[in-house]
Protein backbone atom coordinates (compact mmCIF):
# COMPACT_ATOMS: atom_id res chain seq x y z
CA MET A 1 110.46 134.47 90.53
CA LYS A 2 110.98 130.84 90.52
CA ILE A 3 114.70 131.25 89.32
CA TYR A 4 115.04 133.66 92.03
CA ASP A 5 113.54 130.95 94.44
CA LYS A 6 116.06 128.43 93.12
CA ILE A 7 119.33 130.54 93.52
CA SER A 8 118.08 131.64 96.88
CA ASP A 9 117.75 127.92 97.90
CA TRP A 10 120.73 126.68 96.42
CA LEU A 11 123.00 129.60 98.50
CA GLU A 12 121.02 129.05 101.79
CA ILE A 13 121.56 125.10 101.41
CA ASN A 14 125.19 125.11 99.81
CA TRP A 15 126.31 128.52 101.41
CA VAL A 16 124.50 131.42 102.91
CA LYS A 17 121.97 133.61 101.92
CA PRO A 18 121.86 137.27 102.84
CA ALA A 19 118.67 138.17 104.79
CA TYR A 20 117.21 141.43 104.24
CA ALA A 21 119.39 143.32 106.69
CA GLY A 22 122.48 141.57 105.55
CA GLY A 23 121.57 142.58 101.76
CA LEU A 24 121.07 146.17 102.80
CA LEU A 25 124.51 146.56 104.68
CA LEU A 26 126.20 144.76 102.00
CA VAL A 27 124.86 147.72 99.48
CA LEU A 28 125.77 150.43 102.02
CA SER A 29 129.31 148.75 102.12
CA MET A 30 129.78 148.68 98.85
CA PHE A 31 128.36 152.25 98.43
CA PHE A 32 130.82 153.31 101.22
CA PHE A 33 134.01 151.66 99.26
CA PHE A 34 133.08 153.04 95.80
CA ALA A 35 132.94 156.62 97.65
CA ALA A 36 135.97 156.30 99.43
CA THR A 37 137.60 155.13 96.02
CA ASN A 38 136.45 158.21 94.31
CA THR A 39 136.85 160.71 97.04
CA MET A 40 139.96 159.23 98.69
CA ILE A 41 138.20 159.96 102.16
CA GLY A 42 139.89 157.76 104.86
CA TRP A 43 136.72 157.26 107.14
CA LEU A 44 134.87 156.05 104.29
CA TYR A 45 137.68 153.32 103.71
CA VAL A 46 137.44 152.53 107.49
CA ILE A 47 133.40 152.34 107.38
CA SER A 48 133.53 150.21 104.49
CA GLY A 49 136.29 147.87 106.02
CA ILE A 50 134.28 147.37 109.49
CA SER A 51 131.18 146.54 107.15
CA PHE A 52 132.99 144.05 105.27
CA ALA A 53 134.32 142.21 108.24
CA LEU A 54 130.98 142.36 109.94
CA LEU A 55 129.41 140.52 106.91
CA GLY A 56 132.48 137.95 106.70
CA VAL A 57 132.09 136.83 110.42
CA SER A 58 128.24 136.90 109.74
CA ALA A 59 128.26 134.65 106.74
CA ILE A 60 130.65 131.89 108.75
CA LEU A 61 129.10 131.82 112.21
CA PRO A 62 125.69 130.11 111.10
CA GLY A 63 127.45 127.50 109.11
CA ARG A 64 129.97 126.81 111.75
CA SER A 65 127.10 126.50 114.69
CA LEU A 66 125.10 124.24 112.63
CA ARG A 67 127.96 121.73 112.11
CA GLN A 68 128.13 120.91 115.99
CA ILE A 69 124.67 119.99 116.39
CA LYS A 70 123.55 116.19 116.64
CA VAL A 71 120.17 114.76 115.47
CA ARG A 72 118.65 111.64 116.38
CA ARG A 73 115.17 110.37 115.68
CA HIS A 74 113.37 108.11 118.18
CA GLN A 75 111.40 104.81 116.56
CA ILE A 76 107.92 105.68 115.80
CA GLN A 77 105.40 103.23 117.02
CA PRO A 78 102.79 101.90 114.49
CA ILE A 79 99.17 103.20 114.72
CA THR A 80 95.98 102.58 113.22
CA MET A 81 94.20 105.01 110.46
CA GLY A 82 92.76 108.13 112.18
CA ASP A 83 94.96 108.19 115.18
CA SER A 84 98.05 110.47 115.47
CA LEU A 85 101.94 109.58 114.81
CA ALA A 86 103.99 110.58 117.68
CA ILE A 87 106.92 111.78 116.03
CA ALA A 88 110.22 112.28 118.58
CA LEU A 89 113.54 114.05 117.80
CA THR A 90 116.44 114.72 119.99
CA ILE A 91 118.60 117.79 119.24
CA GLU A 92 121.94 118.04 121.12
CA ASN A 93 124.25 120.88 121.46
CA THR A 94 127.95 119.51 121.40
CA THR A 95 129.61 122.85 121.76
CA ASN A 96 130.43 124.75 124.96
CA GLU A 97 128.52 127.37 124.11
CA PRO A 98 124.68 127.99 123.80
CA LEU A 99 123.01 127.97 120.52
CA ALA A 100 120.33 130.30 119.84
CA LEU A 101 117.48 130.97 117.41
CA LEU A 102 117.42 127.61 115.90
CA GLN A 103 114.81 126.85 113.25
CA LEU A 104 113.77 122.83 112.48
CA GLN A 105 111.94 121.49 109.45
CA ASP A 106 111.02 117.90 109.37
CA GLU A 107 110.51 116.75 105.73
CA ILE A 108 107.61 114.55 106.01
CA PRO A 109 106.00 112.87 102.84
CA ILE A 110 103.48 115.00 101.12
CA VAL A 111 100.87 112.34 101.76
CA LEU A 112 101.19 113.36 105.39
CA GLY A 113 101.00 116.90 105.05
CA LYS A 114 103.29 120.13 104.58
CA PRO A 115 106.62 119.92 106.28
CA VAL A 116 106.51 120.41 110.36
CA ARG A 117 108.29 123.49 111.67
CA GLN A 118 109.63 123.96 114.88
CA ALA A 119 111.65 127.32 116.13
CA ILE A 120 114.31 126.78 119.42
CA GLU A 121 115.25 130.04 121.06
CA VAL A 122 118.46 128.48 123.06
CA ILE A 123 119.87 125.25 123.51
CA PRO A 124 122.41 125.66 126.32
CA ALA A 125 125.85 124.29 126.29
CA GLN A 126 126.29 120.43 126.27
CA GLU A 127 122.61 119.88 126.71
CA THR A 128 119.72 118.43 124.78
CA TYR A 129 116.39 119.55 123.28
CA TYR A 130 113.55 117.24 122.79
CA TRP A 131 111.05 118.00 120.03
CA VAL A 132 107.88 115.82 119.98
CA TYR A 133 104.79 116.61 117.63
CA TYR A 134 101.81 114.60 116.73
CA LEU A 135 100.83 114.12 112.81
CA PRO A 136 97.31 113.08 112.20
CA THR A 137 96.66 110.39 109.76
CA LYS A 138 93.89 109.76 107.14
CA LYS A 139 95.03 107.11 104.97
CA ARG A 140 97.05 103.68 105.66
CA GLY A 141 100.47 102.83 104.46
CA ILE A 142 104.03 102.74 105.28
CA TYR A 143 105.84 106.13 104.97
CA ARG A 144 109.41 106.65 105.07
CA TRP A 145 111.31 109.98 105.10
CA HIS A 146 115.18 110.73 105.57
CA TYR A 147 116.16 114.19 106.36
CA LEU A 148 115.60 117.03 108.92
CA GLN A 149 116.31 120.80 107.87
CA LEU A 150 118.38 123.00 110.42
CA ARG A 151 118.30 126.61 109.77
CA THR A 152 119.64 129.68 111.60
CA ALA A 153 120.96 133.24 110.92
CA ALA A 154 122.59 133.55 114.60
CA PRO A 155 124.17 135.42 115.70
CA LEU A 156 123.72 138.44 114.04
CA GLY A 157 120.70 137.80 111.84
CA LEU A 158 122.63 139.18 108.46
CA PHE A 159 122.96 135.69 106.71
CA TRP A 160 120.75 132.50 106.79
CA CYS A 161 122.18 129.00 106.46
CA ARG A 162 120.30 125.69 106.18
CA ARG A 163 121.91 122.36 106.40
CA SER A 164 120.27 118.67 106.31
CA ARG A 165 120.72 115.98 108.70
CA ASN A 166 120.34 112.49 108.28
CA ALA A 167 117.40 111.28 110.31
CA LYS A 168 115.83 108.15 108.74
CA ALA A 169 111.73 107.51 109.74
CA THR A 170 109.57 104.96 109.15
CA ALA A 171 105.86 105.31 109.95
CA VAL A 172 103.62 102.49 109.84
CA VAL A 173 99.57 102.99 109.64
CA TYR A 174 97.80 99.96 110.07
CA PRO A 175 94.14 100.10 108.34
CA LYS A 176 91.05 100.51 110.31
CA VAL A 177 89.56 97.18 111.78
CA LEU A 178 85.57 97.31 112.05
CA PRO A 179 84.23 95.96 115.43
CA LEU A 180 82.27 93.10 113.65
CA LYS A 181 79.29 91.46 115.68
CA SER A 182 78.71 88.46 113.40
CA CYS A 183 79.81 87.93 110.03
CA PRO A 184 78.16 85.13 108.21
CA ILE A 185 80.86 84.42 105.76
CA ILE A 186 83.50 83.55 108.54
CA ASP A 187 80.66 81.73 110.43
CA GLU A 188 79.71 79.43 107.54
CA LEU A 189 83.32 78.61 106.73
CA GLY A 190 83.95 78.39 110.45
CA GLN A 191 81.17 75.49 111.05
CA GLU A 192 82.90 73.52 108.22
CA CYS A 193 86.08 73.67 110.18
CA SER A 194 84.52 72.83 113.19
CA ARG A 195 83.06 69.45 111.67
CA GLN A 196 86.26 68.66 110.66
CA LEU A 197 88.19 69.61 113.85
CA ARG A 198 85.41 67.31 115.40
CA GLU A 199 86.49 64.29 113.00
CA HIS A 200 89.88 65.12 114.42
CA SER A 201 89.08 65.01 117.70
CA ARG A 202 87.67 61.65 117.58
CA TYR A 203 90.65 60.43 116.06
CA GLN A 204 92.50 62.05 119.23
CA MET A 205 90.03 60.10 121.55
CA ALA A 206 90.30 56.78 119.96
CA SER A 207 92.14 54.26 122.16
CA GLU A 208 92.58 51.44 119.25
CA GLY A 209 93.88 51.54 116.18
CA LEU A 210 95.37 54.63 114.16
CA THR A 211 98.66 54.37 115.48
CA ARG A 212 101.46 56.07 113.97
CA ALA A 213 104.51 55.13 116.32
CA LEU A 214 105.51 54.35 119.63
CA ARG A 215 107.48 56.94 122.14
CA PRO A 216 108.59 56.97 125.63
CA TYR A 217 106.13 58.30 128.45
CA ARG A 218 106.16 61.84 129.13
CA PHE A 219 104.56 63.66 132.16
CA GLY A 220 101.27 64.64 131.11
CA ASP A 221 100.23 62.24 128.81
CA PRO A 222 96.74 60.30 128.92
CA SER A 223 96.73 56.73 130.25
CA ARG A 224 94.59 55.36 127.79
CA PHE A 225 97.52 56.03 125.02
CA ILE A 226 100.13 53.77 126.97
CA HIS A 227 100.92 50.71 125.23
CA TRP A 228 101.33 48.00 127.94
CA ARG A 229 102.74 45.09 125.90
CA SER A 230 105.61 47.47 124.36
CA SER A 231 106.35 48.99 127.77
CA ALA A 232 106.63 45.65 129.42
CA ARG A 233 109.03 44.64 126.60
CA TYR A 234 111.36 47.82 126.90
CA GLY A 235 111.08 48.14 130.71
CA GLU A 236 109.65 51.75 130.69
CA LEU A 237 106.35 53.17 129.70
CA ARG A 238 105.61 53.50 126.05
CA VAL A 239 102.88 55.73 124.62
CA ARG A 240 100.99 55.51 121.03
CA GLU A 241 101.03 58.45 118.83
CA LEU A 242 97.93 58.54 116.61
CA GLU A 243 97.23 59.55 113.20
CA VAL A 244 95.96 63.25 112.95
CA SER A 245 93.71 64.66 110.30
CA ARG A 246 94.37 68.38 109.80
CA ALA A 247 92.24 69.14 106.67
CA GLY A 248 90.19 72.11 106.66
CA GLU A 249 91.63 73.99 110.07
CA GLU A 250 92.27 77.16 108.78
CA ILE A 251 90.39 80.05 106.98
CA LEU A 252 92.31 81.90 104.46
CA ILE A 253 91.31 85.29 103.48
CA CYS A 254 92.64 86.14 100.13
CA LEU A 255 92.93 89.91 98.78
CA ASP A 256 93.07 90.21 94.97
CA SER A 257 96.04 92.63 95.01
CA ALA A 258 97.50 91.70 91.58
CA GLY A 259 93.89 92.78 90.17
CA GLU A 260 92.52 96.63 89.07
CA TRP A 261 90.63 98.25 91.48
CA GLN A 262 89.11 101.59 91.92
CA PRO A 263 91.42 103.44 94.83
CA ASP A 264 88.22 103.74 97.21
CA ASN A 265 87.19 100.20 96.85
CA PHE A 266 90.59 98.75 97.41
CA GLU A 267 90.73 100.85 100.62
CA ALA A 268 87.52 99.31 101.59
CA ALA A 269 88.55 95.64 100.68
CA VAL A 270 91.95 96.18 102.67
CA THR A 271 89.78 97.29 105.77
CA ALA A 272 87.25 94.22 105.25
CA ALA A 273 90.45 91.97 105.19
CA ALA A 274 91.65 92.96 108.46
CA SER A 275 88.24 93.15 109.97
CA LEU A 276 87.31 89.59 108.80
CA TYR A 277 90.87 88.31 110.11
CA PHE A 278 90.19 89.57 113.50
CA TYR A 279 86.81 88.41 113.68
CA ALA A 280 88.03 85.01 112.73
CA ASN A 281 90.68 85.28 115.34
CA ARG A 282 88.39 86.41 118.01
CA SER A 283 86.39 83.06 116.82
CA LEU A 284 89.24 81.04 117.87
CA LEU A 285 89.76 79.74 114.36
CA ASN A 286 93.06 79.33 112.65
CA VAL A 287 93.10 82.30 110.24
CA ARG A 288 95.86 83.41 107.71
CA LEU A 289 95.79 86.10 105.00
CA TRP A 290 97.16 85.95 101.44
CA THR A 291 98.27 88.45 99.07
CA ALA A 292 99.83 88.31 95.45
CA ALA A 293 103.18 89.92 96.93
CA THR A 294 103.95 88.04 100.08
CA GLY A 295 101.55 84.70 100.01
CA LEU A 296 100.08 82.99 103.12
CA VAL A 297 100.82 85.32 106.18
CA TYR A 298 100.01 84.57 109.73
CA GLY A 299 100.18 86.40 113.08
CA ASN A 300 98.26 89.44 113.98
CA LEU A 301 101.45 92.17 113.63
CA ALA A 302 102.46 90.23 110.29
CA MET A 303 99.05 90.48 108.96
CA LEU A 304 98.69 94.47 109.81
CA GLN A 305 102.02 95.11 108.61
CA THR A 306 101.26 93.46 105.28
CA LEU A 307 97.83 95.40 105.00
CA ALA A 308 99.49 98.70 105.74
CA GLY A 309 101.84 98.43 102.73
CA VAL A 310 99.49 96.40 100.11
CA LYS A 311 98.75 97.97 96.84
CA PHE A 312 96.66 96.99 93.85
CA GLY A 313 98.02 96.05 90.74
CA GLU A 314 101.27 94.71 92.08
CA GLU A 315 103.10 91.74 90.81
CA VAL A 316 102.15 88.11 91.65
CA VAL A 317 105.15 87.02 93.63
CA ALA A 318 104.11 84.42 95.95
CA GLY A 319 102.07 82.02 93.52
CA ASN A 320 98.69 80.96 92.51
CA LEU A 321 96.06 80.80 95.03
CA PRO A 322 95.91 78.06 97.55
CA GLU A 323 93.70 75.04 96.56
CA LYS A 324 91.44 75.05 99.71
CA PRO A 325 88.09 76.79 100.36
CA LEU A 326 88.80 80.41 101.00
CA VAL A 327 87.16 84.24 101.35
CA TRP A 328 88.44 85.72 98.21
CA LEU A 329 87.80 89.96 98.27
CA THR A 330 87.90 91.29 94.52
CA GLN A 331 86.81 93.72 92.12
CA ASN A 332 86.88 91.40 89.12
CA SER A 333 83.86 89.24 88.90
CA PHE A 334 85.55 86.87 86.12
CA SER A 335 87.80 85.45 88.82
CA LEU A 336 85.13 84.28 90.77
CA SER A 337 84.66 81.10 88.16
CA SER A 338 88.15 79.92 89.20
CA LEU A 339 87.80 79.44 92.99
CA PRO A 340 88.22 76.38 94.81
CA PRO A 341 84.70 74.70 95.93
CA GLY A 342 83.32 75.79 99.20
CA SER A 343 84.83 79.31 98.87
CA ARG A 344 83.08 82.39 99.66
CA TRP A 345 83.64 85.94 97.95
CA LEU A 346 83.37 89.57 98.51
CA LEU A 347 82.90 91.45 95.15
CA TRP A 348 83.04 95.18 94.92
CA LEU A 349 81.10 96.57 92.17
CA ASP A 350 82.86 99.15 89.92
CA GLU A 351 80.94 102.19 90.18
CA SER A 352 82.86 103.78 87.02
CA VAL A 353 81.10 101.23 84.67
CA ALA A 354 77.47 102.27 83.69
CA SER A 355 76.11 99.35 83.10
CA PRO A 356 76.33 96.47 85.52
CA VAL A 357 78.70 93.40 84.67
CA GLU A 358 77.27 90.23 84.02
CA MET A 359 78.15 87.86 86.54
CA PRO A 360 79.57 84.31 85.42
CA ARG A 361 78.04 81.08 86.30
CA ILE A 362 79.45 80.31 90.06
CA GLN A 363 79.14 76.61 91.27
CA TYR A 364 79.83 75.53 94.76
CA CYS A 365 80.63 79.26 95.98
CA SER A 366 78.72 82.11 97.64
CA GLY A 367 79.36 85.48 98.65
CA LEU A 368 78.17 88.99 98.74
CA LYS A 369 78.34 92.10 96.52
CA ILE A 370 79.67 95.05 98.27
CA SER A 371 78.47 98.50 97.23
CA SER A 372 80.12 101.96 98.14
CA ASP A 373 76.55 103.26 98.62
CA GLN A 374 76.14 101.33 102.10
CA LEU A 375 78.11 101.15 105.26
CA LEU A 376 80.99 98.39 104.79
CA GLU A 377 80.53 97.07 108.54
CA PHE A 378 76.80 96.74 107.78
CA GLN A 379 77.25 94.64 104.66
CA LEU A 380 80.03 92.34 106.26
CA GLN A 381 77.27 91.47 108.86
CA SER A 382 74.96 90.49 106.23
CA SER A 383 73.72 87.10 105.44
CA VAL A 384 75.24 85.31 102.20
C-alpha cells in the first residue's frame, strides 16, 4: 500500500494522477478499443477514440491552469507562546478565465501541527483570493517553511494535478513572560547598582576637581560647570567635562545554553530569563541578556528574538561569561563555583537523578533552587 501511495504521489506531483472516474473511463476506453480491434466494428472505434481524446484533454488542462496562478505570502507578525499565528496568503488568477475547484495546502512544520488545507470554489478572471487562517502555538521557537501546494482536477475531474509554489514563511514565537510583582534576586543586584549610581551622581554634582576636558558651551549645560577663567581667555563660554564612574550600572542575565538540560527545565529557564529581563526593565535598570551563541544582547526585541531561537547544548561562540556580577540560570550545580563575586544564581534541579546532587561550596554568591513541582512564578518571587 505504501508503494502505491508513493507512485500515486509521484504521478500527481510530476504529471497527473487518475481520479476514480478517470481510471474507470481509461479502463472502459481500452475495453472498447480492444473490442473494436477484435470485431472491426466502426462505432466501437469512435467511442474509444472520443474517450481517449477526452482523457488527453483532461490530463493537460489541470496542469495548465495551475501554471497561471501566482502565490504571495504576507509577513507573519511575532507572537507570544500560547497565542495564535495569523497566516495570510494571496492567490492571484492571472488568466482571462475563472479558475474553479482549487485546493490549497500549506506545508507547515510538524511541530506546529498537520498541513492546513483550504478549498476554493472559484477565482474570477484577473482577480485575487485572500486566505487567512490562525495557527495555535504551544511552544516557543523560530519556525520556517517554504512551500504551498496547489491541487486541482478541474475542469472535468478525471485527473488530479498537484504543484508546489515557493512561499517562504518565518514565524517567531516568543517565550511567555511572567507578570512578576517582586523579584528579590533582581532587587538585590539593583540596590548594589543604585549605590554605585549614587556615587556616580556625586561625581556629576561636583563643581571642583575631576575635570577631564573643556568644551564649548551648549544650550542646557548647568552654569556651575562653566570654567570662567578659560571662557575669558577664549572669548566664549567653556564648560568642564567631568570624569564618570560607570562600574556596575547594568544587570546581566546569563542563560547556560551551552550546558545539558532536561527539555522542560530549559523551557522554564527561558521563561524565567524573559521574565527577569522585563522585571529589571520595568525597574528602570540597565539590563542585558547573555547566551553562549550570541553573547550580550541589548534591547527588548533583540532579547525576545534570541530567547525564541535559543537551544540547550549549543556551541559557545561568544566567549566566556562576563567578569561582572550576574544572574546565572543553569542546571549544572558545579558551574556555580566559578561565578564572579556578588552574582546570583537560579539552579534547576535534575528530576532524572534519583539522589540529590551535592552542591559545591559557593562563596560570595547566593541564589534559588527551582523545582518543577512548584509554580515558577511563585519561586521567582521568593527570597534568596
